[in-house]
């Protein structure tokens, strides 16, 4: 297993643990030490065809048709372009992640060589106050202005999962070991 593959697997495994802890209806904070997952309010979810949306999130099945799936703004090809900021407790930037590719679609979520088939995407809103409590930094440290940020949890209960923040239409932010990495549309 190459170092890049191992780091991608660690990223997805850590996010999976964080997501499993946050997946209950009470939205309690994650006990994961590597990536503290916030407890944001659910606003929508995108699920593979045939899956019913969870009643507690009020989500809708946006992956049912090509026209609807095309409207999902984070679907597509992405590339890690650099590190943006670090939380007060971080392992420091990992330069080997720069250049890694990611892809998100209704059929799969991929980061490097790690892939999740038939993922469920759940969009949530995280307030600036929640973000500051969870990460001990401000949204503005990431270049996100405003009182909230959109997060997307990628769920696959049979394998790796992850979480990212939507900065804008062409930029996503992922956190690994306390470091936020920027992903740009490829």
N, C-alpha and C. Protein backbone atom coordinates (compact mmCIF):
# COMPACT_ATOMS: atom_id res chain seq x y z
N UNK A 1 0.85 -1.17 0.00
CA UNK A 1 0.00 0.00 0.00
C UNK A 1 0.90 1.24 0.00
N UNK A 2 0.70 2.13 -0.97
CA UNK A 2 1.53 3.33 -1.03
C UNK A 2 1.15 4.28 0.08
N UNK A 3 2.05 5.24 0.34
CA UNK A 3 1.81 6.21 1.41
C UNK A 3 0.56 7.04 1.11
N UNK A 4 0.37 7.42 -0.17
CA UNK A 4 -0.80 8.22 -0.54
C UNK A 4 -2.08 7.42 -0.33
N UNK A 5 -2.06 6.15 -0.71
CA UNK A 5 -3.22 5.30 -0.53
C UNK A 5 -3.53 5.13 0.94
N UNK A 6 -2.49 4.94 1.75
CA UNK A 6 -2.69 4.76 3.17
C UNK A 6 -3.27 6.03 3.79
N UNK A 7 -2.76 7.19 3.40
CA UNK A 7 -3.26 8.45 3.95
C UNK A 7 -4.71 8.67 3.54
N UNK A 8 -5.06 8.34 2.29
CA UNK A 8 -6.44 8.48 1.84
C UNK A 8 -7.34 7.54 2.63
N UNK A 9 -6.87 6.32 2.88
CA UNK A 9 -7.65 5.36 3.65
C UNK A 9 -7.83 5.84 5.09
N UNK A 10 -6.78 6.42 5.67
CA UNK A 10 -6.86 6.95 7.03
C UNK A 10 -7.85 8.10 7.08
N UNK A 11 -7.81 8.99 6.07
CA UNK A 11 -8.75 10.11 5.99
C UNK A 11 -10.19 9.60 5.97
N UNK A 12 -10.46 8.67 5.10
CA UNK A 12 -11.82 8.17 4.98
C UNK A 12 -12.24 7.35 6.20
N UNK A 13 -11.32 6.59 6.79
CA UNK A 13 -11.65 5.82 7.99
C UNK A 13 -11.96 6.75 9.16
N UNK A 14 -11.13 7.79 9.34
CA UNK A 14 -11.37 8.75 10.43
C UNK A 14 -12.70 9.44 10.26
N UNK A 15 -13.00 9.84 9.03
CA UNK A 15 -14.28 10.49 8.77
C UNK A 15 -15.43 9.52 8.99
N UNK A 16 -15.22 8.25 8.65
CA UNK A 16 -16.24 7.23 8.86
C UNK A 16 -16.57 7.08 10.34
N UNK A 17 -15.54 7.05 11.16
CA UNK A 17 -15.74 6.94 12.60
C UNK A 17 -16.50 8.16 13.12
N UNK A 18 -16.09 9.33 12.65
CA UNK A 18 -16.76 10.56 13.08
C UNK A 18 -18.22 10.56 12.64
N UNK A 19 -18.47 10.10 11.43
CA UNK A 19 -19.84 10.08 10.92
C UNK A 19 -20.70 9.06 11.66
N UNK A 20 -20.14 7.92 11.98
CA UNK A 20 -20.90 6.91 12.70
C UNK A 20 -21.34 7.44 14.05
N UNK A 21 -20.49 8.22 14.69
CA UNK A 21 -20.83 8.79 15.99
C UNK A 21 -21.88 9.88 15.87
N UNK A 22 -21.95 10.54 14.72
CA UNK A 22 -22.90 11.64 14.54
C UNK A 22 -24.17 11.20 13.83
N UNK A 23 -24.29 9.95 13.44
CA UNK A 23 -25.41 9.56 12.61
C UNK A 23 -26.71 9.33 13.37
N UNK A 24 -26.71 9.42 14.69
CA UNK A 24 -27.96 9.23 15.41
C UNK A 24 -28.79 10.50 15.36
N UNK A 25 -30.06 10.38 15.71
CA UNK A 25 -30.99 11.51 15.58
C UNK A 25 -30.73 12.63 16.57
N UNK A 26 -29.93 12.39 17.62
CA UNK A 26 -29.71 13.43 18.61
C UNK A 26 -28.61 14.39 18.21
N UNK A 27 -27.84 14.07 17.19
CA UNK A 27 -26.75 14.93 16.71
C UNK A 27 -25.77 15.30 17.82
N UNK A 28 -25.34 14.31 18.61
CA UNK A 28 -24.35 14.56 19.64
C UNK A 28 -22.98 14.71 19.00
N UNK A 29 -22.06 15.50 19.59
CA UNK A 29 -20.73 15.67 19.02
C UNK A 29 -19.99 14.34 18.92
N UNK A 30 -19.14 14.23 17.93
CA UNK A 30 -18.37 13.02 17.70
C UNK A 30 -17.24 12.88 18.70
N UNK A 31 -16.99 11.66 19.19
CA UNK A 31 -15.87 11.46 20.09
C UNK A 31 -14.56 11.21 19.35
N UNK A 32 -14.56 11.26 18.03
CA UNK A 32 -13.36 10.96 17.25
C UNK A 32 -12.26 11.97 17.52
N UNK A 33 -11.04 11.53 17.87
CA UNK A 33 -9.97 12.47 18.16
C UNK A 33 -9.34 13.07 16.92
N UNK A 34 -9.48 12.46 15.73
CA UNK A 34 -8.79 12.96 14.55
C UNK A 34 -9.58 14.00 13.79
N UNK A 35 -10.88 13.89 13.76
CA UNK A 35 -11.69 14.85 13.02
C UNK A 35 -13.01 15.03 13.75
N UNK A 36 -13.05 16.00 14.65
CA UNK A 36 -14.26 16.23 15.43
C UNK A 36 -15.37 16.66 14.49
N UNK A 37 -16.34 15.81 14.31
CA UNK A 37 -17.44 16.12 13.42
C UNK A 37 -18.44 17.01 14.14
N UNK A 38 -18.86 18.09 13.50
CA UNK A 38 -19.80 19.01 14.11
C UNK A 38 -21.18 18.38 14.23
N UNK A 39 -22.03 19.03 15.01
CA UNK A 39 -23.41 18.56 15.15
C UNK A 39 -24.36 19.55 14.50
N UNK A 40 -24.24 19.71 13.17
CA UNK A 40 -25.07 20.68 12.46
C UNK A 40 -26.50 20.17 12.26
N UNK A 41 -27.37 21.10 11.83
CA UNK A 41 -28.75 20.77 11.55
C UNK A 41 -28.87 20.25 10.13
N UNK A 42 -29.57 19.15 9.95
CA UNK A 42 -29.74 18.55 8.63
C UNK A 42 -30.65 19.43 7.78
N UNK A 43 -30.29 19.58 6.49
CA UNK A 43 -31.15 20.34 5.61
C UNK A 43 -31.58 19.55 4.39
N UNK A 44 -30.79 18.60 3.93
CA UNK A 44 -31.18 17.80 2.78
C UNK A 44 -30.24 16.62 2.65
N UNK A 45 -30.69 15.60 1.94
CA UNK A 45 -29.79 14.49 1.67
C UNK A 45 -30.01 14.02 0.25
N UNK A 46 -28.95 13.46 -0.32
CA UNK A 46 -29.00 12.92 -1.65
C UNK A 46 -28.69 11.44 -1.50
N UNK A 47 -29.60 10.60 -1.97
CA UNK A 47 -29.43 9.17 -1.78
C UNK A 47 -29.52 8.44 -3.10
N UNK A 48 -28.94 7.25 -3.16
CA UNK A 48 -29.04 6.47 -4.39
C UNK A 48 -30.50 6.12 -4.70
N UNK A 49 -30.79 5.90 -5.98
CA UNK A 49 -32.15 5.55 -6.39
C UNK A 49 -32.65 4.35 -5.62
N UNK A 50 -33.91 4.39 -5.23
CA UNK A 50 -34.51 3.29 -4.52
C UNK A 50 -34.43 3.44 -3.01
N UNK A 51 -33.64 4.35 -2.52
CA UNK A 51 -33.52 4.53 -1.07
C UNK A 51 -34.47 5.63 -0.63
N UNK A 52 -35.16 5.39 0.44
CA UNK A 52 -36.08 6.39 0.96
C UNK A 52 -35.32 7.39 1.81
N UNK A 53 -35.65 8.69 1.74
CA UNK A 53 -34.96 9.67 2.56
C UNK A 53 -35.28 9.48 4.03
N UNK A 54 -34.32 9.75 4.91
CA UNK A 54 -34.60 9.61 6.33
C UNK A 54 -35.64 10.63 6.77
N UNK A 55 -36.62 10.18 7.56
CA UNK A 55 -37.72 11.06 7.97
C UNK A 55 -37.23 12.20 8.84
N UNK A 56 -36.22 11.96 9.71
CA UNK A 56 -35.81 13.00 10.63
C UNK A 56 -35.04 14.14 9.97
N UNK A 57 -34.49 13.94 8.77
CA UNK A 57 -33.73 15.01 8.15
C UNK A 57 -34.58 15.85 7.21
N UNK A 58 -35.72 15.32 6.79
CA UNK A 58 -36.53 16.05 5.83
C UNK A 58 -35.87 16.06 4.47
N UNK A 59 -34.94 15.14 4.22
CA UNK A 59 -34.18 15.10 2.99
C UNK A 59 -35.02 14.64 1.82
N UNK A 60 -34.48 14.85 0.64
CA UNK A 60 -35.15 14.42 -0.56
C UNK A 60 -34.18 13.62 -1.40
N UNK A 61 -34.73 12.75 -2.25
CA UNK A 61 -33.90 11.93 -3.11
C UNK A 61 -33.57 12.72 -4.36
N UNK A 62 -32.43 13.38 -4.37
CA UNK A 62 -32.03 14.20 -5.50
C UNK A 62 -31.21 13.43 -6.52
N UNK A 63 -30.95 12.15 -6.27
CA UNK A 63 -30.13 11.38 -7.19
C UNK A 63 -30.96 10.50 -8.10
N UNK A 64 -32.28 10.67 -8.10
CA UNK A 64 -33.15 9.79 -8.85
C UNK A 64 -33.08 9.94 -10.35
N UNK A 65 -32.82 11.12 -10.88
CA UNK A 65 -32.77 11.30 -12.32
C UNK A 65 -31.54 12.11 -12.69
N UNK A 66 -31.15 11.99 -13.94
CA UNK A 66 -29.97 12.71 -14.40
C UNK A 66 -30.12 14.21 -14.26
N UNK A 67 -31.33 14.73 -14.53
CA UNK A 67 -31.54 16.18 -14.44
C UNK A 67 -31.37 16.65 -13.01
N UNK A 68 -31.94 15.89 -12.07
CA UNK A 68 -31.82 16.29 -10.67
C UNK A 68 -30.39 16.13 -10.18
N UNK A 69 -29.72 15.03 -10.56
CA UNK A 69 -28.35 14.79 -10.10
C UNK A 69 -27.42 15.87 -10.63
N UNK A 70 -27.70 16.41 -11.82
CA UNK A 70 -26.87 17.46 -12.39
C UNK A 70 -26.92 18.73 -11.55
N UNK A 71 -27.97 18.89 -10.75
CA UNK A 71 -28.13 20.08 -9.93
C UNK A 71 -27.33 20.00 -8.64
N UNK A 72 -26.77 18.83 -8.31
CA UNK A 72 -25.99 18.69 -7.08
C UNK A 72 -24.64 19.35 -7.32
N UNK A 73 -24.41 20.47 -6.64
CA UNK A 73 -23.28 21.33 -6.96
C UNK A 73 -21.91 20.76 -6.63
N UNK A 74 -21.82 19.76 -5.77
CA UNK A 74 -20.51 19.20 -5.43
C UNK A 74 -20.21 17.92 -6.21
N UNK A 75 -21.15 17.43 -7.04
CA UNK A 75 -20.86 16.27 -7.86
C UNK A 75 -19.85 16.67 -8.93
N UNK A 76 -18.91 15.80 -9.20
CA UNK A 76 -17.91 16.05 -10.22
C UNK A 76 -16.52 15.67 -9.76
N UNK A 77 -15.53 16.13 -10.51
CA UNK A 77 -14.12 15.82 -10.26
C UNK A 77 -13.47 16.97 -9.50
N UNK A 78 -12.63 16.63 -8.51
CA UNK A 78 -11.97 17.61 -7.66
C UNK A 78 -10.51 17.23 -7.48
N UNK A 79 -9.70 18.22 -7.09
CA UNK A 79 -8.28 17.97 -6.86
C UNK A 79 -7.82 18.77 -5.64
N UNK A 80 -7.04 18.15 -4.76
CA UNK A 80 -6.49 18.84 -3.59
C UNK A 80 -5.42 19.81 -4.09
N UNK A 81 -5.62 21.11 -3.82
CA UNK A 81 -4.70 22.13 -4.31
C UNK A 81 -3.81 22.72 -3.23
N UNK A 82 -4.13 22.48 -1.97
CA UNK A 82 -3.29 23.00 -0.90
C UNK A 82 -3.97 22.93 0.45
N UNK A 83 -3.22 23.32 1.49
CA UNK A 83 -3.82 23.39 2.82
C UNK A 83 -4.19 24.84 3.09
N UNK A 84 -5.30 25.05 3.79
CA UNK A 84 -5.84 26.38 4.02
C UNK A 84 -5.56 26.88 5.43
N UNK A 85 -5.82 26.03 6.41
CA UNK A 85 -5.68 26.43 7.81
C UNK A 85 -5.56 25.17 8.66
N UNK A 86 -5.09 25.36 9.88
CA UNK A 86 -4.97 24.25 10.83
C UNK A 86 -5.68 24.61 12.12
N UNK A 87 -6.28 23.62 12.75
CA UNK A 87 -6.89 23.82 14.06
C UNK A 87 -5.76 23.93 15.08
N UNK A 88 -6.06 24.41 16.29
CA UNK A 88 -5.01 24.52 17.31
C UNK A 88 -4.31 23.18 17.60
N UNK A 89 -5.02 22.08 17.44
CA UNK A 89 -4.41 20.76 17.62
C UNK A 89 -4.40 20.08 16.26
N UNK A 90 -3.25 20.05 15.62
CA UNK A 90 -3.16 19.44 14.30
C UNK A 90 -1.82 18.73 14.15
N UNK A 91 -1.78 17.83 13.19
CA UNK A 91 -0.55 17.10 12.89
C UNK A 91 0.33 17.89 11.92
N UNK A 92 -0.15 19.03 11.44
CA UNK A 92 0.58 19.79 10.44
C UNK A 92 0.22 19.30 9.05
N UNK A 93 0.37 20.16 8.05
CA UNK A 93 -0.01 19.80 6.68
C UNK A 93 0.77 18.59 6.16
N UNK A 94 0.10 17.77 5.39
CA UNK A 94 0.71 16.61 4.74
C UNK A 94 0.80 16.93 3.25
N UNK A 95 1.99 17.30 2.81
CA UNK A 95 2.18 17.72 1.42
C UNK A 95 1.88 16.61 0.42
N UNK A 96 1.93 15.34 0.86
CA UNK A 96 1.66 14.24 -0.07
C UNK A 96 0.20 14.20 -0.51
N UNK A 97 -0.68 14.90 0.21
CA UNK A 97 -2.09 14.94 -0.20
C UNK A 97 -2.33 15.92 -1.34
N UNK A 98 -1.41 16.88 -1.51
CA UNK A 98 -1.55 17.86 -2.60
C UNK A 98 -1.50 17.11 -3.93
N UNK A 99 -2.49 17.37 -4.77
CA UNK A 99 -2.56 16.70 -6.06
C UNK A 99 -3.47 15.48 -6.07
N UNK A 100 -3.86 14.99 -4.89
CA UNK A 100 -4.80 13.86 -4.83
C UNK A 100 -6.10 14.26 -5.51
N UNK A 101 -6.73 13.30 -6.17
CA UNK A 101 -7.98 13.57 -6.86
C UNK A 101 -9.15 12.95 -6.11
N UNK A 102 -10.29 13.61 -6.22
CA UNK A 102 -11.53 13.13 -5.61
C UNK A 102 -12.64 13.23 -6.63
N UNK A 103 -13.65 12.41 -6.47
CA UNK A 103 -14.79 12.41 -7.38
C UNK A 103 -16.04 12.08 -6.57
N UNK A 104 -17.11 12.83 -6.82
CA UNK A 104 -18.37 12.60 -6.12
C UNK A 104 -19.49 12.48 -7.14
N UNK A 105 -20.26 11.40 -7.05
CA UNK A 105 -21.42 11.18 -7.91
C UNK A 105 -22.43 10.34 -7.14
N UNK A 106 -23.61 10.11 -7.73
CA UNK A 106 -24.58 9.30 -7.01
C UNK A 106 -24.13 7.85 -6.93
N UNK A 107 -23.27 7.41 -7.84
CA UNK A 107 -22.80 6.03 -7.84
C UNK A 107 -21.63 5.78 -6.90
N UNK A 108 -20.77 6.80 -6.68
CA UNK A 108 -19.59 6.58 -5.84
C UNK A 108 -19.02 7.89 -5.32
N UNK A 109 -18.24 7.75 -4.24
CA UNK A 109 -17.44 8.84 -3.70
C UNK A 109 -16.02 8.30 -3.63
N UNK A 110 -15.07 9.01 -4.25
CA UNK A 110 -13.70 8.52 -4.32
C UNK A 110 -12.74 9.61 -3.88
N UNK A 111 -11.74 9.22 -3.08
CA UNK A 111 -10.63 10.10 -2.71
C UNK A 111 -9.36 9.29 -2.88
N UNK A 112 -8.52 9.69 -3.84
CA UNK A 112 -7.34 8.89 -4.15
C UNK A 112 -7.78 7.52 -4.62
N UNK A 113 -7.23 6.47 -4.02
CA UNK A 113 -7.58 5.10 -4.39
C UNK A 113 -8.73 4.53 -3.56
N UNK A 114 -9.17 5.25 -2.54
CA UNK A 114 -10.27 4.78 -1.69
C UNK A 114 -11.60 5.18 -2.31
N UNK A 115 -12.53 4.23 -2.39
CA UNK A 115 -13.82 4.50 -3.02
C UNK A 115 -14.96 3.92 -2.20
N UNK A 116 -16.07 4.66 -2.16
CA UNK A 116 -17.29 4.23 -1.50
C UNK A 116 -18.37 4.11 -2.57
N UNK A 117 -18.96 2.93 -2.72
CA UNK A 117 -20.02 2.72 -3.70
C UNK A 117 -21.37 3.09 -3.09
N UNK A 118 -22.23 3.65 -3.93
CA UNK A 118 -23.59 4.03 -3.53
C UNK A 118 -23.64 4.83 -2.23
N UNK A 119 -22.91 5.92 -2.15
CA UNK A 119 -22.90 6.71 -0.92
C UNK A 119 -24.20 7.49 -0.75
N UNK A 120 -24.46 7.89 0.47
CA UNK A 120 -25.58 8.78 0.78
C UNK A 120 -24.94 10.11 1.17
N UNK A 121 -25.32 11.20 0.51
CA UNK A 121 -24.79 12.52 0.80
C UNK A 121 -25.83 13.26 1.64
N UNK A 122 -25.41 13.79 2.77
CA UNK A 122 -26.33 14.53 3.63
C UNK A 122 -25.78 15.94 3.86
N UNK A 123 -26.51 16.93 3.34
CA UNK A 123 -26.12 18.32 3.52
C UNK A 123 -26.63 18.84 4.85
N UNK A 124 -25.78 19.58 5.53
CA UNK A 124 -26.15 20.18 6.82
C UNK A 124 -25.60 21.59 6.88
N UNK A 125 -26.23 22.40 7.72
CA UNK A 125 -25.76 23.75 7.95
C UNK A 125 -25.10 23.80 9.32
N UNK A 126 -23.91 24.38 9.38
CA UNK A 126 -23.15 24.51 10.62
C UNK A 126 -23.01 25.99 10.91
N UNK A 127 -23.52 26.45 12.05
CA UNK A 127 -23.43 27.88 12.38
C UNK A 127 -21.99 28.25 12.71
N UNK A 128 -21.69 29.53 12.60
CA UNK A 128 -20.35 30.02 12.93
C UNK A 128 -20.02 29.70 14.38
N UNK A 129 -21.01 29.79 15.26
CA UNK A 129 -20.80 29.49 16.68
C UNK A 129 -20.47 28.01 16.88
N UNK A 130 -21.23 27.13 16.20
CA UNK A 130 -20.95 25.69 16.30
C UNK A 130 -19.55 25.37 15.76
N UNK A 131 -19.20 26.00 14.64
CA UNK A 131 -17.89 25.77 14.05
C UNK A 131 -16.78 26.18 15.02
N UNK A 132 -16.93 27.36 15.63
CA UNK A 132 -15.92 27.85 16.58
C UNK A 132 -15.79 26.90 17.78
N UNK A 133 -16.90 26.38 18.27
CA UNK A 133 -16.85 25.44 19.39
C UNK A 133 -16.19 24.12 19.00
N UNK A 134 -16.53 23.62 17.82
CA UNK A 134 -16.03 22.32 17.38
C UNK A 134 -14.57 22.35 16.94
N UNK A 135 -14.15 23.43 16.29
CA UNK A 135 -12.81 23.48 15.69
C UNK A 135 -11.88 24.50 16.32
N UNK A 136 -12.38 25.31 17.24
CA UNK A 136 -11.59 26.34 17.93
C UNK A 136 -10.91 27.30 16.94
N UNK A 137 -11.67 27.67 15.94
CA UNK A 137 -11.25 28.67 14.96
C UNK A 137 -12.50 29.25 14.33
N UNK A 138 -12.34 30.28 13.52
CA UNK A 138 -13.47 30.97 12.91
C UNK A 138 -13.66 30.52 11.46
N UNK A 139 -14.90 30.61 10.97
CA UNK A 139 -15.16 30.32 9.56
C UNK A 139 -14.32 31.21 8.65
N UNK A 140 -14.10 32.45 9.07
CA UNK A 140 -13.31 33.38 8.26
C UNK A 140 -11.87 32.89 8.09
N UNK A 141 -11.37 32.06 9.02
CA UNK A 141 -10.03 31.48 8.87
C UNK A 141 -9.94 30.58 7.65
N UNK A 142 -11.10 30.09 7.19
CA UNK A 142 -11.16 29.24 6.00
C UNK A 142 -11.57 30.02 4.76
N UNK A 143 -11.81 31.32 4.93
CA UNK A 143 -12.27 32.13 3.82
C UNK A 143 -13.77 32.04 3.61
N UNK A 144 -14.49 31.55 4.61
CA UNK A 144 -15.95 31.46 4.53
C UNK A 144 -16.53 32.62 5.30
N UNK A 145 -17.22 33.51 4.60
CA UNK A 145 -17.84 34.67 5.23
C UNK A 145 -19.30 34.34 5.50
N UNK A 146 -19.85 34.90 6.54
CA UNK A 146 -21.25 34.67 6.86
C UNK A 146 -21.40 33.99 8.20
N UNK A 147 -22.65 33.69 8.53
CA UNK A 147 -22.98 33.13 9.84
C UNK A 147 -23.10 31.61 9.85
N UNK A 148 -22.89 30.97 8.69
CA UNK A 148 -22.98 29.51 8.65
C UNK A 148 -22.19 28.97 7.47
N UNK A 149 -21.97 27.66 7.50
CA UNK A 149 -21.29 26.97 6.40
C UNK A 149 -22.06 25.70 6.08
N UNK A 150 -22.07 25.31 4.82
CA UNK A 150 -22.70 24.07 4.41
C UNK A 150 -21.69 22.95 4.50
N UNK A 151 -22.09 21.85 5.13
CA UNK A 151 -21.25 20.65 5.19
C UNK A 151 -21.98 19.54 4.45
N UNK A 152 -21.21 18.59 3.95
CA UNK A 152 -21.78 17.42 3.31
C UNK A 152 -21.12 16.20 3.95
N UNK A 153 -21.95 15.34 4.50
CA UNK A 153 -21.47 14.07 5.04
C UNK A 153 -21.70 13.01 3.99
N UNK A 154 -20.66 12.23 3.72
CA UNK A 154 -20.77 11.11 2.79
C UNK A 154 -20.89 9.87 3.66
N UNK A 155 -22.03 9.19 3.55
CA UNK A 155 -22.28 8.04 4.41
C UNK A 155 -22.29 6.75 3.62
N UNK A 156 -21.61 5.77 4.15
CA UNK A 156 -21.65 4.40 3.64
C UNK A 156 -21.38 3.52 4.85
N UNK A 157 -22.41 2.88 5.35
CA UNK A 157 -22.27 2.13 6.59
C UNK A 157 -21.48 0.85 6.41
N UNK A 158 -21.14 0.49 5.17
CA UNK A 158 -20.35 -0.72 4.92
C UNK A 158 -18.88 -0.42 4.67
N UNK A 159 -18.50 0.86 4.61
CA UNK A 159 -17.11 1.19 4.29
C UNK A 159 -16.76 2.61 4.66
N UNK A 160 -15.68 3.12 4.07
CA UNK A 160 -15.20 4.47 4.40
C UNK A 160 -16.23 5.55 4.07
N UNK A 161 -16.20 6.62 4.83
CA UNK A 161 -17.07 7.77 4.62
C UNK A 161 -16.26 9.03 4.83
N UNK A 162 -16.87 10.20 4.72
CA UNK A 162 -16.14 11.44 4.91
C UNK A 162 -17.07 12.63 5.03
N UNK A 163 -16.47 13.78 5.30
CA UNK A 163 -17.19 15.04 5.44
C UNK A 163 -16.39 16.13 4.75
N UNK A 164 -17.09 17.05 4.08
CA UNK A 164 -16.43 18.22 3.54
C UNK A 164 -17.32 19.44 3.69
N UNK A 165 -16.70 20.62 3.61
CA UNK A 165 -17.40 21.90 3.67
C UNK A 165 -17.47 22.45 2.25
N UNK A 166 -18.58 23.12 1.93
CA UNK A 166 -18.71 23.79 0.63
C UNK A 166 -18.32 25.25 0.84
N UNK A 167 -17.20 25.65 0.27
CA UNK A 167 -16.76 27.05 0.38
C UNK A 167 -17.48 27.89 -0.67
N UNK A 168 -17.48 27.42 -1.92
CA UNK A 168 -18.20 28.07 -3.01
C UNK A 168 -18.41 27.03 -4.11
N UNK A 169 -18.93 27.45 -5.24
CA UNK A 169 -19.27 26.52 -6.32
C UNK A 169 -18.08 25.75 -6.86
N UNK A 170 -16.88 26.27 -6.71
CA UNK A 170 -15.71 25.60 -7.26
C UNK A 170 -14.68 25.21 -6.20
N UNK A 171 -15.04 25.29 -4.91
CA UNK A 171 -14.09 24.99 -3.84
C UNK A 171 -14.76 24.23 -2.70
N UNK A 172 -14.15 23.10 -2.34
CA UNK A 172 -14.56 22.33 -1.17
C UNK A 172 -13.41 22.33 -0.17
N UNK A 173 -13.70 22.09 1.10
CA UNK A 173 -12.68 22.00 2.14
C UNK A 173 -12.87 20.70 2.91
N UNK A 174 -11.79 19.91 3.02
CA UNK A 174 -11.82 18.67 3.81
C UNK A 174 -10.84 18.81 4.96
N UNK A 175 -11.15 18.17 6.10
CA UNK A 175 -10.25 18.23 7.25
C UNK A 175 -9.66 16.85 7.51
N UNK A 176 -8.35 16.83 7.77
CA UNK A 176 -7.63 15.60 8.11
C UNK A 176 -6.58 15.93 9.15
N UNK A 177 -6.63 15.25 10.27
CA UNK A 177 -5.66 15.46 11.36
C UNK A 177 -5.55 16.93 11.75
N UNK A 178 -6.69 17.63 11.75
CA UNK A 178 -6.71 19.02 12.18
C UNK A 178 -6.29 20.03 11.13
N UNK A 179 -6.07 19.59 9.90
CA UNK A 179 -5.67 20.49 8.81
C UNK A 179 -6.78 20.51 7.76
N UNK A 180 -7.19 21.72 7.35
CA UNK A 180 -8.18 21.89 6.29
C UNK A 180 -7.46 21.95 4.95
N UNK A 181 -7.86 21.08 4.03
CA UNK A 181 -7.30 21.05 2.68
C UNK A 181 -8.33 21.56 1.70
N UNK A 182 -7.87 22.32 0.71
CA UNK A 182 -8.75 22.88 -0.31
C UNK A 182 -8.80 21.96 -1.51
N UNK A 183 -10.02 21.69 -2.00
CA UNK A 183 -10.22 20.93 -3.22
C UNK A 183 -10.85 21.86 -4.24
N UNK A 184 -10.26 21.92 -5.42
CA UNK A 184 -10.78 22.75 -6.51
C UNK A 184 -11.33 21.84 -7.60
N UNK A 185 -12.32 22.36 -8.33
CA UNK A 185 -12.87 21.58 -9.44
C UNK A 185 -11.77 21.28 -10.44
N UNK A 186 -11.74 20.03 -10.89
CA UNK A 186 -10.73 19.61 -11.86
C UNK A 186 -11.21 19.91 -13.27
